Amino acid sequence: MIYENGGGVAALLATSLSVAGPASAFTGLSFSSPGATNVDSTDTLGYQFQVGASSISLTGLGFYDFGQDGLQTAHDVGLWNNSGSLLTQVSVASGTSAPLVGFYRYAAVTPITLASGQTYTVGGLFQTGTDKYSYNIVGLTSDPAINIIIPTVYNTGSTLTMPTSSFPGNNFTGADIQFTTATPVPFEFEPTGGLMVLGGAWLLRRHLKNKKSTKV
């Protein structure tokens, strides 16, 4: 609402500045060094995690690119709930077309809400003689929005299946998740946008004032 005393203009501008920006995208895992590598594997490899205090929105699944120079072949990646149901699946393209974040290349999925406190498993299918996975990785950390329950889970076989076996004492790379949180990022004032808000408010105020003055 615009008031003739100008208070409405200030109120409108203040409101526009308080609007939150879009949520940022995050990835589940990060580490400083890939450690040792191994190429001879036909396994679905990943990790099990629990969502923290707030639900998250899954937006992508990633596959490990050990050389950060592109994948030799496309790889299937999936996400399962704690009951073993496959919630979503995607193929991460070969080459460098899939966006690289850290050591993983990601492909988008239709967003899925992962509920607070629930357990999920992510896994990617490796194929013998193609892309490598790594083990004994250095500086492994996870995003604060999730808690890693089992750092490495696997299942041997030539098709994508939920990985349920674990490698005790070792951290292996495989698949990863990409997600957004419900917490908005602060809105940053942009001068051009602010001036447009002020200009639009001034024009609207002037129009209402002229309309009122024409009434008999």
N, C-alpha and C. Protein backbone atom coordinates (compact mmCIF):
# COMPACT_ATOMS: atom_id res chain seq x y z
N MET A 1 0.85 -1.19 0.00
CA MET A 1 0.00 0.00 0.00
C MET A 1 0.88 1.24 0.00
N ILE A 2 0.49 2.27 -0.81
CA ILE A 2 1.25 3.52 -0.88
C ILE A 2 0.47 4.62 -0.18
N TYR A 3 1.11 5.32 0.77
CA TYR A 3 0.48 6.40 1.49
C TYR A 3 1.01 7.72 0.97
N GLU A 4 0.14 8.76 0.97
CA GLU A 4 0.54 10.05 0.42
C GLU A 4 1.63 10.71 1.25
N ASN A 5 1.79 10.32 2.49
CA ASN A 5 2.82 10.95 3.31
C ASN A 5 4.21 10.38 3.04
N GLY A 6 4.28 9.43 2.10
CA GLY A 6 5.58 8.88 1.73
C GLY A 6 6.00 7.69 2.57
N GLY A 7 5.29 7.43 3.66
CA GLY A 7 5.66 6.30 4.50
C GLY A 7 5.55 4.98 3.79
N GLY A 8 4.58 4.91 2.87
CA GLY A 8 4.39 3.67 2.13
C GLY A 8 5.57 3.35 1.23
N VAL A 9 6.20 4.40 0.68
CA VAL A 9 7.37 4.18 -0.18
C VAL A 9 8.49 3.55 0.63
N ALA A 10 8.72 4.10 1.82
CA ALA A 10 9.77 3.55 2.67
C ALA A 10 9.44 2.13 3.09
N ALA A 11 8.17 1.92 3.39
CA ALA A 11 7.75 0.58 3.81
C ALA A 11 7.92 -0.42 2.68
N LEU A 12 7.57 0.00 1.45
CA LEU A 12 7.70 -0.88 0.30
C LEU A 12 9.15 -1.22 0.05
N LEU A 13 10.04 -0.24 0.15
CA LEU A 13 11.45 -0.47 -0.07
C LEU A 13 12.01 -1.39 1.01
N ALA A 14 11.60 -1.17 2.26
CA ALA A 14 12.08 -2.01 3.34
C ALA A 14 11.63 -3.45 3.15
N THR A 15 10.39 -3.61 2.69
CA THR A 15 9.88 -4.95 2.45
C THR A 15 10.67 -5.65 1.37
N SER A 16 10.98 -4.90 0.28
CA SER A 16 11.70 -5.50 -0.83
C SER A 16 13.09 -5.93 -0.41
N LEU A 17 13.70 -5.22 0.54
CA LEU A 17 15.05 -5.55 0.97
C LEU A 17 15.07 -6.73 1.93
N SER A 18 13.92 -7.08 2.50
CA SER A 18 13.88 -8.18 3.47
C SER A 18 13.57 -9.51 2.82
N VAL A 19 13.30 -9.51 1.51
CA VAL A 19 12.99 -10.76 0.82
C VAL A 19 14.24 -11.62 0.76
N ALA A 20 14.10 -12.90 1.09
CA ALA A 20 15.25 -13.80 1.08
C ALA A 20 15.58 -14.23 -0.34
N GLY A 21 16.86 -14.44 -0.59
CA GLY A 21 17.30 -14.91 -1.89
C GLY A 21 17.10 -16.41 -2.00
N PRO A 22 17.45 -17.01 -3.15
CA PRO A 22 17.27 -18.44 -3.36
C PRO A 22 18.24 -19.25 -2.51
N ALA A 23 17.83 -20.48 -2.17
CA ALA A 23 18.69 -21.36 -1.39
C ALA A 23 19.90 -21.77 -2.22
N SER A 24 21.03 -21.99 -1.56
CA SER A 24 22.25 -22.37 -2.23
C SER A 24 22.35 -23.89 -2.35
N ALA A 25 23.07 -24.37 -3.37
CA ALA A 25 23.28 -25.79 -3.57
C ALA A 25 24.51 -26.25 -2.81
N PHE A 26 24.43 -27.44 -2.20
CA PHE A 26 25.53 -28.02 -1.44
C PHE A 26 25.78 -29.44 -1.91
N THR A 27 26.96 -29.96 -1.59
CA THR A 27 27.29 -31.35 -1.87
C THR A 27 27.57 -32.07 -0.57
N GLY A 28 27.35 -33.39 -0.57
CA GLY A 28 27.47 -34.15 0.66
C GLY A 28 28.90 -34.28 1.16
N LEU A 29 29.84 -34.62 0.26
CA LEU A 29 31.20 -34.93 0.66
C LEU A 29 32.21 -33.95 0.08
N SER A 30 33.33 -33.83 0.78
CA SER A 30 34.50 -33.13 0.27
C SER A 30 35.73 -33.71 0.93
N PHE A 31 36.88 -33.61 0.25
CA PHE A 31 38.13 -34.10 0.82
C PHE A 31 39.29 -33.41 0.10
N SER A 32 40.47 -33.48 0.73
CA SER A 32 41.62 -32.74 0.22
C SER A 32 42.47 -33.53 -0.76
N SER A 33 42.48 -34.86 -0.63
CA SER A 33 43.33 -35.68 -1.49
C SER A 33 42.68 -37.04 -1.72
N PRO A 34 42.71 -37.58 -2.94
CA PRO A 34 42.05 -38.85 -3.23
C PRO A 34 42.79 -40.09 -2.76
N GLY A 35 44.02 -39.98 -2.27
CA GLY A 35 44.74 -41.14 -1.79
C GLY A 35 45.07 -42.11 -2.91
N ALA A 36 44.93 -43.42 -2.63
CA ALA A 36 45.25 -44.45 -3.62
C ALA A 36 44.04 -44.69 -4.53
N THR A 37 44.31 -45.28 -5.70
CA THR A 37 43.24 -45.56 -6.66
C THR A 37 43.24 -47.03 -7.06
N ASN A 38 42.10 -47.48 -7.55
CA ASN A 38 41.94 -48.84 -8.03
C ASN A 38 40.99 -48.82 -9.21
N VAL A 39 41.28 -49.56 -10.27
CA VAL A 39 40.45 -49.52 -11.46
C VAL A 39 39.61 -50.78 -11.66
N ASP A 40 40.06 -51.93 -11.14
CA ASP A 40 39.40 -53.20 -11.41
C ASP A 40 38.23 -53.43 -10.47
N SER A 41 37.08 -52.89 -10.82
CA SER A 41 35.92 -53.00 -9.95
C SER A 41 34.64 -53.00 -10.76
N THR A 42 33.73 -53.91 -10.41
CA THR A 42 32.37 -53.87 -10.92
C THR A 42 31.46 -53.90 -9.70
N ASP A 43 31.26 -52.73 -9.12
CA ASP A 43 30.54 -52.60 -7.86
C ASP A 43 29.69 -51.34 -7.88
N THR A 44 28.62 -51.36 -7.07
CA THR A 44 27.92 -50.13 -6.72
C THR A 44 28.53 -49.65 -5.41
N LEU A 45 29.08 -48.44 -5.43
CA LEU A 45 29.88 -47.95 -4.31
C LEU A 45 29.37 -46.59 -3.87
N GLY A 46 29.23 -46.40 -2.56
CA GLY A 46 28.75 -45.11 -2.05
C GLY A 46 28.84 -45.03 -0.55
N TYR A 47 27.85 -44.36 0.07
CA TYR A 47 27.86 -44.21 1.53
C TYR A 47 26.43 -44.10 2.05
N GLN A 48 26.29 -44.33 3.36
CA GLN A 48 25.00 -44.22 4.04
C GLN A 48 25.03 -42.99 4.94
N PHE A 49 23.94 -42.24 4.94
CA PHE A 49 23.91 -41.01 5.72
C PHE A 49 22.53 -40.79 6.33
N GLN A 50 22.51 -39.91 7.31
CA GLN A 50 21.25 -39.50 7.94
C GLN A 50 21.10 -37.99 7.81
N VAL A 51 19.91 -37.54 7.47
CA VAL A 51 19.65 -36.11 7.37
C VAL A 51 19.59 -35.52 8.77
N GLY A 52 20.13 -34.31 8.94
CA GLY A 52 20.22 -33.67 10.25
C GLY A 52 18.91 -33.08 10.74
N ALA A 53 19.01 -31.98 11.45
CA ALA A 53 17.85 -31.40 12.14
C ALA A 53 16.80 -30.85 11.18
N SER A 54 17.20 -30.49 9.97
CA SER A 54 16.26 -29.92 8.99
C SER A 54 16.25 -30.76 7.73
N SER A 55 15.08 -30.92 7.14
CA SER A 55 14.97 -31.65 5.88
C SER A 55 15.74 -30.93 4.78
N ILE A 56 16.16 -31.67 3.77
CA ILE A 56 16.87 -31.11 2.63
C ILE A 56 16.16 -31.52 1.35
N SER A 57 16.45 -30.82 0.26
CA SER A 57 15.87 -31.14 -1.04
C SER A 57 16.96 -31.66 -1.96
N LEU A 58 16.89 -32.93 -2.30
CA LEU A 58 17.87 -33.53 -3.20
C LEU A 58 17.66 -32.99 -4.61
N THR A 59 18.73 -32.46 -5.22
CA THR A 59 18.63 -31.88 -6.56
C THR A 59 19.53 -32.55 -7.58
N GLY A 60 20.49 -33.38 -7.13
CA GLY A 60 21.39 -34.02 -8.06
C GLY A 60 22.13 -35.18 -7.42
N LEU A 61 22.68 -36.05 -8.26
CA LEU A 61 23.51 -37.16 -7.83
C LEU A 61 24.84 -37.08 -8.56
N GLY A 62 25.91 -37.44 -7.87
CA GLY A 62 27.24 -37.29 -8.45
C GLY A 62 28.02 -38.60 -8.51
N PHE A 63 28.98 -38.64 -9.46
CA PHE A 63 29.87 -39.79 -9.61
C PHE A 63 31.31 -39.30 -9.56
N TYR A 64 32.18 -40.10 -8.97
CA TYR A 64 33.56 -39.71 -8.70
C TYR A 64 34.40 -39.65 -9.98
N ASP A 65 35.08 -38.52 -10.18
CA ASP A 65 36.00 -38.33 -11.30
C ASP A 65 37.41 -38.15 -10.70
N PHE A 66 38.14 -39.26 -10.56
CA PHE A 66 39.38 -39.24 -9.79
C PHE A 66 40.43 -38.30 -10.37
N GLY A 67 40.46 -38.13 -11.68
CA GLY A 67 41.43 -37.24 -12.30
C GLY A 67 40.90 -35.84 -12.53
N GLN A 68 39.62 -35.63 -12.23
CA GLN A 68 38.95 -34.34 -12.48
C GLN A 68 39.09 -33.91 -13.94
N ASP A 69 39.20 -34.88 -14.83
CA ASP A 69 39.42 -34.60 -16.25
C ASP A 69 38.39 -35.25 -17.16
N GLY A 70 37.28 -35.67 -16.58
CA GLY A 70 36.21 -36.28 -17.37
C GLY A 70 36.08 -37.77 -17.12
N LEU A 71 34.89 -38.31 -17.34
CA LEU A 71 34.62 -39.73 -17.14
C LEU A 71 34.78 -40.48 -18.46
N GLN A 72 35.31 -41.68 -18.38
CA GLN A 72 35.50 -42.49 -19.59
C GLN A 72 34.18 -42.99 -20.15
N THR A 73 33.26 -43.33 -19.25
CA THR A 73 31.94 -43.81 -19.65
C THR A 73 30.88 -43.16 -18.76
N ALA A 74 29.64 -43.30 -19.17
CA ALA A 74 28.54 -42.83 -18.33
C ALA A 74 28.34 -43.82 -17.17
N HIS A 75 27.86 -43.30 -16.04
CA HIS A 75 27.68 -44.15 -14.85
C HIS A 75 26.32 -43.89 -14.21
N ASP A 76 25.64 -44.98 -13.84
CA ASP A 76 24.37 -44.88 -13.14
C ASP A 76 24.61 -44.61 -11.65
N VAL A 77 23.80 -43.71 -11.09
CA VAL A 77 23.86 -43.38 -9.67
C VAL A 77 22.44 -43.42 -9.13
N GLY A 78 22.27 -43.97 -7.93
CA GLY A 78 20.94 -44.06 -7.35
C GLY A 78 20.92 -43.66 -5.88
N LEU A 79 19.71 -43.39 -5.37
CA LEU A 79 19.51 -43.07 -3.96
C LEU A 79 18.38 -43.95 -3.43
N TRP A 80 18.63 -44.61 -2.29
CA TRP A 80 17.67 -45.51 -1.68
C TRP A 80 17.30 -45.02 -0.29
N ASN A 81 16.08 -45.32 0.14
CA ASN A 81 15.73 -45.03 1.53
C ASN A 81 16.12 -46.21 2.41
N ASN A 82 15.83 -46.10 3.71
CA ASN A 82 16.29 -47.11 4.65
C ASN A 82 15.56 -48.45 4.49
N SER A 83 14.45 -48.44 3.75
CA SER A 83 13.71 -49.67 3.48
C SER A 83 14.21 -50.38 2.23
N GLY A 84 15.16 -49.76 1.54
CA GLY A 84 15.71 -50.37 0.34
C GLY A 84 15.02 -49.98 -0.95
N SER A 85 14.10 -49.03 -0.89
CA SER A 85 13.40 -48.59 -2.09
C SER A 85 14.24 -47.56 -2.85
N LEU A 86 14.37 -47.74 -4.14
CA LEU A 86 15.09 -46.79 -4.99
C LEU A 86 14.23 -45.56 -5.19
N LEU A 87 14.69 -44.41 -4.69
CA LEU A 87 13.90 -43.18 -4.77
C LEU A 87 14.13 -42.43 -6.06
N THR A 88 15.35 -42.46 -6.56
CA THR A 88 15.66 -41.78 -7.81
C THR A 88 16.96 -42.34 -8.38
N GLN A 89 17.10 -42.20 -9.68
CA GLN A 89 18.28 -42.73 -10.38
C GLN A 89 18.61 -41.81 -11.54
N VAL A 90 19.89 -41.68 -11.86
CA VAL A 90 20.30 -40.82 -12.96
C VAL A 90 21.58 -41.39 -13.56
N SER A 91 21.85 -41.04 -14.81
CA SER A 91 23.10 -41.41 -15.46
C SER A 91 23.96 -40.17 -15.58
N VAL A 92 25.16 -40.23 -15.01
CA VAL A 92 26.11 -39.13 -15.12
C VAL A 92 26.89 -39.34 -16.42
N ALA A 93 26.86 -38.36 -17.30
CA ALA A 93 27.39 -38.51 -18.65
C ALA A 93 28.90 -38.67 -18.68
N SER A 94 29.39 -39.34 -19.72
CA SER A 94 30.83 -39.45 -19.93
C SER A 94 31.41 -38.10 -20.34
N GLY A 95 32.73 -38.00 -20.31
CA GLY A 95 33.38 -36.75 -20.69
C GLY A 95 33.30 -35.71 -19.59
N THR A 96 33.26 -34.46 -20.00
CA THR A 96 33.29 -33.35 -19.05
C THR A 96 32.01 -32.52 -19.06
N SER A 97 30.96 -33.02 -19.69
CA SER A 97 29.72 -32.22 -19.79
C SER A 97 29.01 -32.09 -18.45
N ALA A 98 29.11 -33.12 -17.60
CA ALA A 98 28.47 -33.04 -16.27
C ALA A 98 29.28 -32.09 -15.39
N PRO A 99 28.64 -31.15 -14.70
CA PRO A 99 29.36 -30.18 -13.88
C PRO A 99 30.24 -30.84 -12.82
N LEU A 100 31.45 -30.35 -12.68
CA LEU A 100 32.41 -30.87 -11.71
C LEU A 100 32.43 -29.97 -10.48
N VAL A 101 32.21 -30.57 -9.31
CA VAL A 101 32.34 -29.88 -8.03
C VAL A 101 33.28 -30.72 -7.18
N GLY A 102 34.45 -30.20 -6.87
CA GLY A 102 35.44 -31.00 -6.16
C GLY A 102 35.90 -32.15 -7.03
N PHE A 103 35.68 -33.39 -6.54
CA PHE A 103 36.08 -34.59 -7.29
C PHE A 103 34.88 -35.33 -7.87
N TYR A 104 33.71 -34.71 -7.87
CA TYR A 104 32.51 -35.39 -8.36
C TYR A 104 31.86 -34.62 -9.50
N ARG A 105 31.29 -35.37 -10.44
CA ARG A 105 30.49 -34.79 -11.52
C ARG A 105 29.02 -35.12 -11.26
N TYR A 106 28.17 -34.10 -11.38
CA TYR A 106 26.78 -34.23 -10.94
C TYR A 106 25.79 -34.13 -12.11
N ALA A 107 24.70 -34.89 -11.98
CA ALA A 107 23.58 -34.81 -12.91
C ALA A 107 22.33 -34.48 -12.11
N ALA A 108 21.49 -33.61 -12.65
CA ALA A 108 20.30 -33.15 -11.94
C ALA A 108 19.23 -34.24 -11.89
N VAL A 109 18.44 -34.22 -10.82
CA VAL A 109 17.28 -35.09 -10.68
C VAL A 109 16.07 -34.22 -10.32
N THR A 110 14.89 -34.77 -10.52
CA THR A 110 13.70 -34.07 -10.05
C THR A 110 13.79 -33.96 -8.53
N PRO A 111 13.68 -32.75 -7.97
CA PRO A 111 13.91 -32.58 -6.53
C PRO A 111 13.04 -33.50 -5.67
N ILE A 112 13.69 -34.06 -4.64
CA ILE A 112 13.03 -34.95 -3.69
C ILE A 112 13.35 -34.46 -2.28
N THR A 113 12.36 -34.38 -1.43
CA THR A 113 12.60 -33.99 -0.04
C THR A 113 13.12 -35.18 0.74
N LEU A 114 14.27 -35.00 1.38
CA LEU A 114 14.83 -36.01 2.27
C LEU A 114 14.57 -35.54 3.69
N ALA A 115 13.81 -36.32 4.42
CA ALA A 115 13.27 -35.88 5.71
C ALA A 115 14.31 -35.91 6.81
N SER A 116 14.17 -34.95 7.71
CA SER A 116 15.04 -34.86 8.88
C SER A 116 15.00 -36.16 9.69
N GLY A 117 16.20 -36.64 10.07
CA GLY A 117 16.30 -37.84 10.89
C GLY A 117 16.22 -39.15 10.15
N GLN A 118 15.94 -39.13 8.84
CA GLN A 118 15.81 -40.35 8.06
C GLN A 118 17.16 -40.75 7.45
N THR A 119 17.31 -42.05 7.22
CA THR A 119 18.56 -42.61 6.70
C THR A 119 18.42 -42.95 5.22
N TYR A 120 19.46 -42.65 4.45
CA TYR A 120 19.47 -42.90 3.01
C TYR A 120 20.83 -43.45 2.60
N THR A 121 20.86 -44.08 1.43
CA THR A 121 22.10 -44.61 0.87
C THR A 121 22.23 -44.15 -0.57
N VAL A 122 23.41 -43.64 -0.93
CA VAL A 122 23.69 -43.24 -2.30
C VAL A 122 24.78 -44.15 -2.84
N GLY A 123 24.65 -44.56 -4.10
CA GLY A 123 25.64 -45.45 -4.70
C GLY A 123 25.77 -45.23 -6.19
N GLY A 124 26.99 -45.39 -6.71
CA GLY A 124 27.26 -45.27 -8.14
C GLY A 124 27.89 -46.54 -8.67
N LEU A 125 27.53 -46.93 -9.89
CA LEU A 125 27.99 -48.19 -10.49
C LEU A 125 29.31 -48.00 -11.23
N PHE A 126 30.35 -48.68 -10.72
CA PHE A 126 31.65 -48.73 -11.40
C PHE A 126 31.69 -49.95 -12.32
N GLN A 127 32.51 -49.84 -13.36
CA GLN A 127 32.63 -50.92 -14.33
C GLN A 127 34.10 -51.24 -14.54
N THR A 128 34.42 -52.52 -14.55
CA THR A 128 35.80 -52.96 -14.66
C THR A 128 36.47 -52.38 -15.90
N GLY A 129 37.67 -51.82 -15.68
CA GLY A 129 38.48 -51.32 -16.79
C GLY A 129 38.15 -49.91 -17.24
N THR A 130 37.26 -49.22 -16.51
CA THR A 130 36.94 -47.84 -16.92
C THR A 130 37.38 -46.86 -15.84
N ASP A 131 36.44 -46.13 -15.28
CA ASP A 131 36.79 -45.08 -14.32
C ASP A 131 37.18 -45.68 -12.96
N LYS A 132 38.13 -45.03 -12.32
CA LYS A 132 38.68 -45.51 -11.06
C LYS A 132 37.93 -44.97 -9.85
N TYR A 133 37.96 -45.73 -8.78
CA TYR A 133 37.57 -45.18 -7.49
C TYR A 133 38.84 -45.04 -6.64
N SER A 134 38.73 -44.34 -5.53
CA SER A 134 39.87 -44.13 -4.64
C SER A 134 39.57 -44.65 -3.25
N TYR A 135 40.60 -44.96 -2.50
CA TYR A 135 40.44 -45.37 -1.11
C TYR A 135 41.54 -44.74 -0.26
N ASN A 136 41.36 -44.80 1.05
CA ASN A 136 42.26 -44.11 1.98
C ASN A 136 42.34 -42.62 1.64
N ILE A 137 41.20 -42.02 1.32
CA ILE A 137 41.18 -40.60 0.97
C ILE A 137 41.50 -39.75 2.19
N VAL A 138 42.04 -38.56 1.93
CA VAL A 138 42.56 -37.70 2.98
C VAL A 138 41.61 -36.52 3.21
N GLY A 139 41.33 -36.23 4.47
CA GLY A 139 40.54 -35.04 4.82
C GLY A 139 39.08 -35.14 4.48
N LEU A 140 38.50 -36.34 4.60
CA LEU A 140 37.08 -36.52 4.26
C LEU A 140 36.20 -35.78 5.26
N THR A 141 35.31 -34.95 4.74
CA THR A 141 34.32 -34.26 5.57
C THR A 141 32.97 -34.30 4.88
N SER A 142 31.91 -34.12 5.65
CA SER A 142 30.56 -34.07 5.08
C SER A 142 29.93 -32.73 5.42
N ASP A 143 28.94 -32.34 4.63
CA ASP A 143 28.21 -31.11 4.90
C ASP A 143 27.49 -31.23 6.25
N PRO A 144 27.42 -30.12 7.02
CA PRO A 144 26.75 -30.17 8.33
C PRO A 144 25.28 -30.57 8.27
N ALA A 145 24.66 -30.48 7.10
CA ALA A 145 23.24 -30.82 6.99
C ALA A 145 23.00 -32.32 7.05
N ILE A 146 24.06 -33.13 6.86
CA ILE A 146 23.91 -34.58 6.92
C ILE A 146 24.95 -35.18 7.86
N ASN A 147 24.68 -36.39 8.33
CA ASN A 147 25.61 -37.13 9.18
C ASN A 147 25.94 -38.45 8.50
N ILE A 148 27.24 -38.70 8.28
CA ILE A 148 27.65 -39.95 7.65
C ILE A 148 27.54 -41.07 8.67
N ILE A 149 26.78 -42.12 8.34
CA ILE A 149 26.63 -43.28 9.21
C ILE A 149 27.67 -44.34 8.87
N ILE A 150 27.76 -44.71 7.59
CA ILE A 150 28.78 -45.64 7.11
C ILE A 150 29.49 -44.97 5.94
N PRO A 151 30.79 -44.64 6.08
CA PRO A 151 31.49 -43.89 5.03
C PRO A 151 31.58 -44.62 3.70
N THR A 152 31.62 -45.95 3.75
CA THR A 152 31.73 -46.72 2.51
C THR A 152 30.82 -47.94 2.56
N VAL A 153 29.92 -48.04 1.59
CA VAL A 153 29.09 -49.23 1.41
C VAL A 153 29.20 -49.66 -0.05
N TYR A 154 29.07 -50.98 -0.29
CA TYR A 154 29.22 -51.48 -1.66
C TYR A 154 28.35 -52.70 -1.88
N ASN A 155 28.16 -53.02 -3.16
CA ASN A 155 27.49 -54.24 -3.57
C ASN A 155 28.09 -54.66 -4.90
N THR A 156 28.59 -55.89 -4.97
CA THR A 156 29.23 -56.39 -6.18
C THR A 156 28.19 -56.83 -7.21
N GLY A 157 28.41 -56.46 -8.47
CA GLY A 157 27.49 -56.83 -9.54
C GLY A 157 27.53 -55.82 -10.65
N SER A 158 27.06 -56.21 -11.82
CA SER A 158 27.16 -55.39 -13.02
C SER A 158 25.98 -54.46 -13.22
N THR A 159 25.00 -54.48 -12.30
CA THR A 159 23.87 -53.56 -12.38
C THR A 159 23.79 -52.73 -11.10
N LEU A 160 23.16 -51.58 -11.20
CA LEU A 160 23.03 -50.68 -10.06
C LEU A 160 22.10 -51.30 -9.02
N THR A 161 22.63 -51.55 -7.83
CA THR A 161 21.84 -52.09 -6.73
C THR A 161 22.24 -51.38 -5.45
N MET A 162 21.34 -51.38 -4.47
CA MET A 162 21.62 -50.69 -3.22
C MET A 162 22.84 -51.31 -2.54
N PRO A 163 23.87 -50.51 -2.26
CA PRO A 163 25.05 -51.04 -1.57
C PRO A 163 24.78 -51.20 -0.07
N THR A 164 25.03 -52.40 0.46
CA THR A 164 24.73 -52.68 1.86
C THR A 164 25.93 -53.21 2.65
N SER A 165 26.96 -53.72 1.96
CA SER A 165 28.16 -54.19 2.65
C SER A 165 29.07 -53.01 2.94
N SER A 166 29.89 -53.12 3.98
CA SER A 166 30.76 -52.00 4.36
C SER A 166 32.22 -52.39 4.33
N PHE A 167 33.09 -51.38 4.15
CA PHE A 167 34.53 -51.54 4.23
C PHE A 167 34.99 -50.95 5.57
N PRO A 168 35.14 -51.74 6.61
CA PRO A 168 35.55 -51.17 7.90
C PRO A 168 36.97 -50.64 7.84
N GLY A 169 37.15 -49.44 8.39
CA GLY A 169 38.49 -48.89 8.52
C GLY A 169 39.01 -48.16 7.30
N ASN A 170 38.26 -48.16 6.19
CA ASN A 170 38.72 -47.46 4.99
C ASN A 170 37.61 -46.55 4.46
N ASN A 171 38.03 -45.45 3.83
CA ASN A 171 37.09 -44.55 3.18
C ASN A 171 37.27 -44.65 1.68
N PHE A 172 36.23 -45.04 0.98
CA PHE A 172 36.27 -45.19 -0.47
C PHE A 172 35.39 -44.12 -1.12
N THR A 173 35.76 -43.68 -2.29
CA THR A 173 34.91 -42.77 -3.05
C THR A 173 33.95 -43.58 -3.92
N GLY A 174 32.87 -42.96 -4.31
CA GLY A 174 31.93 -43.63 -5.20
C GLY A 174 30.94 -42.64 -5.75
N ALA A 175 29.87 -42.39 -4.98
CA ALA A 175 28.82 -41.48 -5.41
C ALA A 175 28.62 -40.40 -4.36
N ASP A 176 27.86 -39.37 -4.72
CA ASP A 176 27.60 -38.28 -3.80
C ASP A 176 26.24 -37.67 -4.11
N ILE A 177 25.76 -36.81 -3.21
CA ILE A 177 24.49 -36.12 -3.39
C ILE A 177 24.72 -34.62 -3.54
N GLN A 178 23.77 -33.96 -4.17
CA GLN A 178 23.74 -32.50 -4.27
C GLN A 178 22.35 -32.07 -3.81
N PHE A 179 22.28 -31.01 -3.01
CA PHE A 179 21.00 -30.66 -2.39
C PHE A 179 20.95 -29.18 -2.04
N THR A 180 19.75 -28.74 -1.71
CA THR A 180 19.54 -27.40 -1.16
C THR A 180 18.92 -27.54 0.21
N THR A 181 19.08 -26.51 1.02
CA THR A 181 18.49 -26.51 2.36
C THR A 181 17.32 -25.55 2.40
N ALA A 182 16.54 -25.63 3.47
CA ALA A 182 15.37 -24.76 3.60
C ALA A 182 15.75 -23.38 4.09
N THR A 183 17.00 -23.20 4.52
CA THR A 183 17.42 -21.91 5.05
C THR A 183 17.78 -20.97 3.92
N PRO A 184 17.07 -19.84 3.76
CA PRO A 184 17.37 -18.91 2.66
C PRO A 184 18.63 -18.12 2.94
N VAL A 185 19.27 -17.69 1.86
CA VAL A 185 20.44 -16.83 2.01
C VAL A 185 19.97 -15.39 2.10
N PRO A 186 20.69 -14.51 2.82
CA PRO A 186 20.27 -13.12 2.95
C PRO A 186 20.24 -12.42 1.60
N PHE A 187 19.27 -11.54 1.45
CA PHE A 187 19.15 -10.76 0.22
C PHE A 187 20.17 -9.62 0.23
N GLU A 188 20.89 -9.46 -0.87
CA GLU A 188 21.86 -8.37 -0.98
C GLU A 188 21.26 -7.24 -1.81
N PHE A 189 21.35 -6.02 -1.29
CA PHE A 189 20.80 -4.88 -1.98
C PHE A 189 21.57 -4.62 -3.27
N GLU A 190 20.83 -4.47 -4.34
CA GLU A 190 21.43 -4.18 -5.63
C GLU A 190 20.93 -2.80 -6.05
N PRO A 191 21.82 -1.82 -6.28
CA PRO A 191 21.41 -0.43 -6.49
C PRO A 191 20.37 -0.25 -7.59
N THR A 192 20.56 -0.90 -8.74
CA THR A 192 19.62 -0.71 -9.85
C THR A 192 18.23 -1.19 -9.46
N GLY A 193 18.17 -2.39 -8.81
CA GLY A 193 16.88 -2.91 -8.39
C GLY A 193 16.22 -2.01 -7.36
N GLY A 194 17.03 -1.46 -6.44
CA GLY A 194 16.48 -0.57 -5.42
C GLY A 194 15.91 0.68 -6.04
N LEU A 195 16.60 1.25 -7.02
CA LEU A 195 16.10 2.45 -7.69
C LEU A 195 14.82 2.16 -8.46
N MET A 196 14.72 0.96 -9.05
CA MET A 196 13.50 0.60 -9.76
C MET A 196 12.32 0.52 -8.80
N VAL A 197 12.57 -0.03 -7.60
CA VAL A 197 11.51 -0.09 -6.61
C VAL A 197 11.06 1.30 -6.22
N LEU A 198 12.03 2.19 -5.96
CA LEU A 198 11.70 3.55 -5.59
C LEU A 198 10.96 4.28 -6.71
N GLY A 199 11.45 4.10 -7.94
CA GLY A 199 10.81 4.77 -9.08
C GLY A 199 9.39 4.30 -9.28
N GLY A 200 9.19 2.96 -9.19
CA GLY A 200 7.84 2.43 -9.36
C GLY A 200 6.90 2.91 -8.28
N ALA A 201 7.41 2.97 -7.04
CA ALA A 201 6.57 3.46 -5.95
C ALA A 201 6.21 4.92 -6.13
N TRP A 202 7.18 5.72 -6.60
CA TRP A 202 6.91 7.15 -6.80
C TRP A 202 5.88 7.36 -7.89
N LEU A 203 5.98 6.59 -9.00
CA LEU A 203 5.02 6.72 -10.09
C LEU A 203 3.62 6.32 -9.63
N LEU A 204 3.55 5.24 -8.84
CA LEU A 204 2.25 4.80 -8.36
C LEU A 204 1.65 5.83 -7.43
N ARG A 205 2.45 6.41 -6.57
CA ARG A 205 1.95 7.45 -5.66
C ARG A 205 1.44 8.65 -6.44
N ARG A 206 2.21 9.05 -7.48
CA ARG A 206 1.81 10.20 -8.29
C ARG A 206 0.50 9.93 -9.02
N HIS A 207 0.38 8.69 -9.55
CA HIS A 207 -0.84 8.34 -10.26
C HIS A 207 -2.05 8.40 -9.34
N LEU A 208 -1.92 7.86 -8.13
CA LEU A 208 -3.04 7.88 -7.19
C LEU A 208 -3.38 9.31 -6.77
N LYS A 209 -2.36 10.15 -6.62
CA LYS A 209 -2.60 11.53 -6.22
C LYS A 209 -3.33 12.29 -7.32
N ASN A 210 -2.89 12.10 -8.59
CA ASN A 210 -3.55 12.77 -9.74
C ASN A 210 -4.99 12.28 -9.90
N LYS A 211 -5.18 10.98 -9.67
CA LYS A 211 -6.53 10.45 -9.79
C LYS A 211 -7.45 11.05 -8.75
N LYS A 212 -6.92 11.22 -7.55
CA LYS A 212 -7.71 11.81 -6.48
C LYS A 212 -8.04 13.26 -6.76
N SER A 213 -7.07 14.01 -7.35
CA SER A 213 -7.30 15.45 -7.61
C SER A 213 -8.30 15.69 -8.72
N THR A 214 -8.54 14.69 -9.60
CA THR A 214 -9.49 14.87 -10.68
C THR A 214 -10.94 14.62 -10.25
N LYS A 215 -11.09 14.03 -9.07
CA LYS A 215 -12.46 13.77 -8.60
C LYS A 215 -13.14 15.09 -8.21
N VAL A 216 -14.42 15.19 -8.51
CA VAL A 216 -15.19 16.39 -8.17
C VAL A 216 -15.81 16.19 -6.79
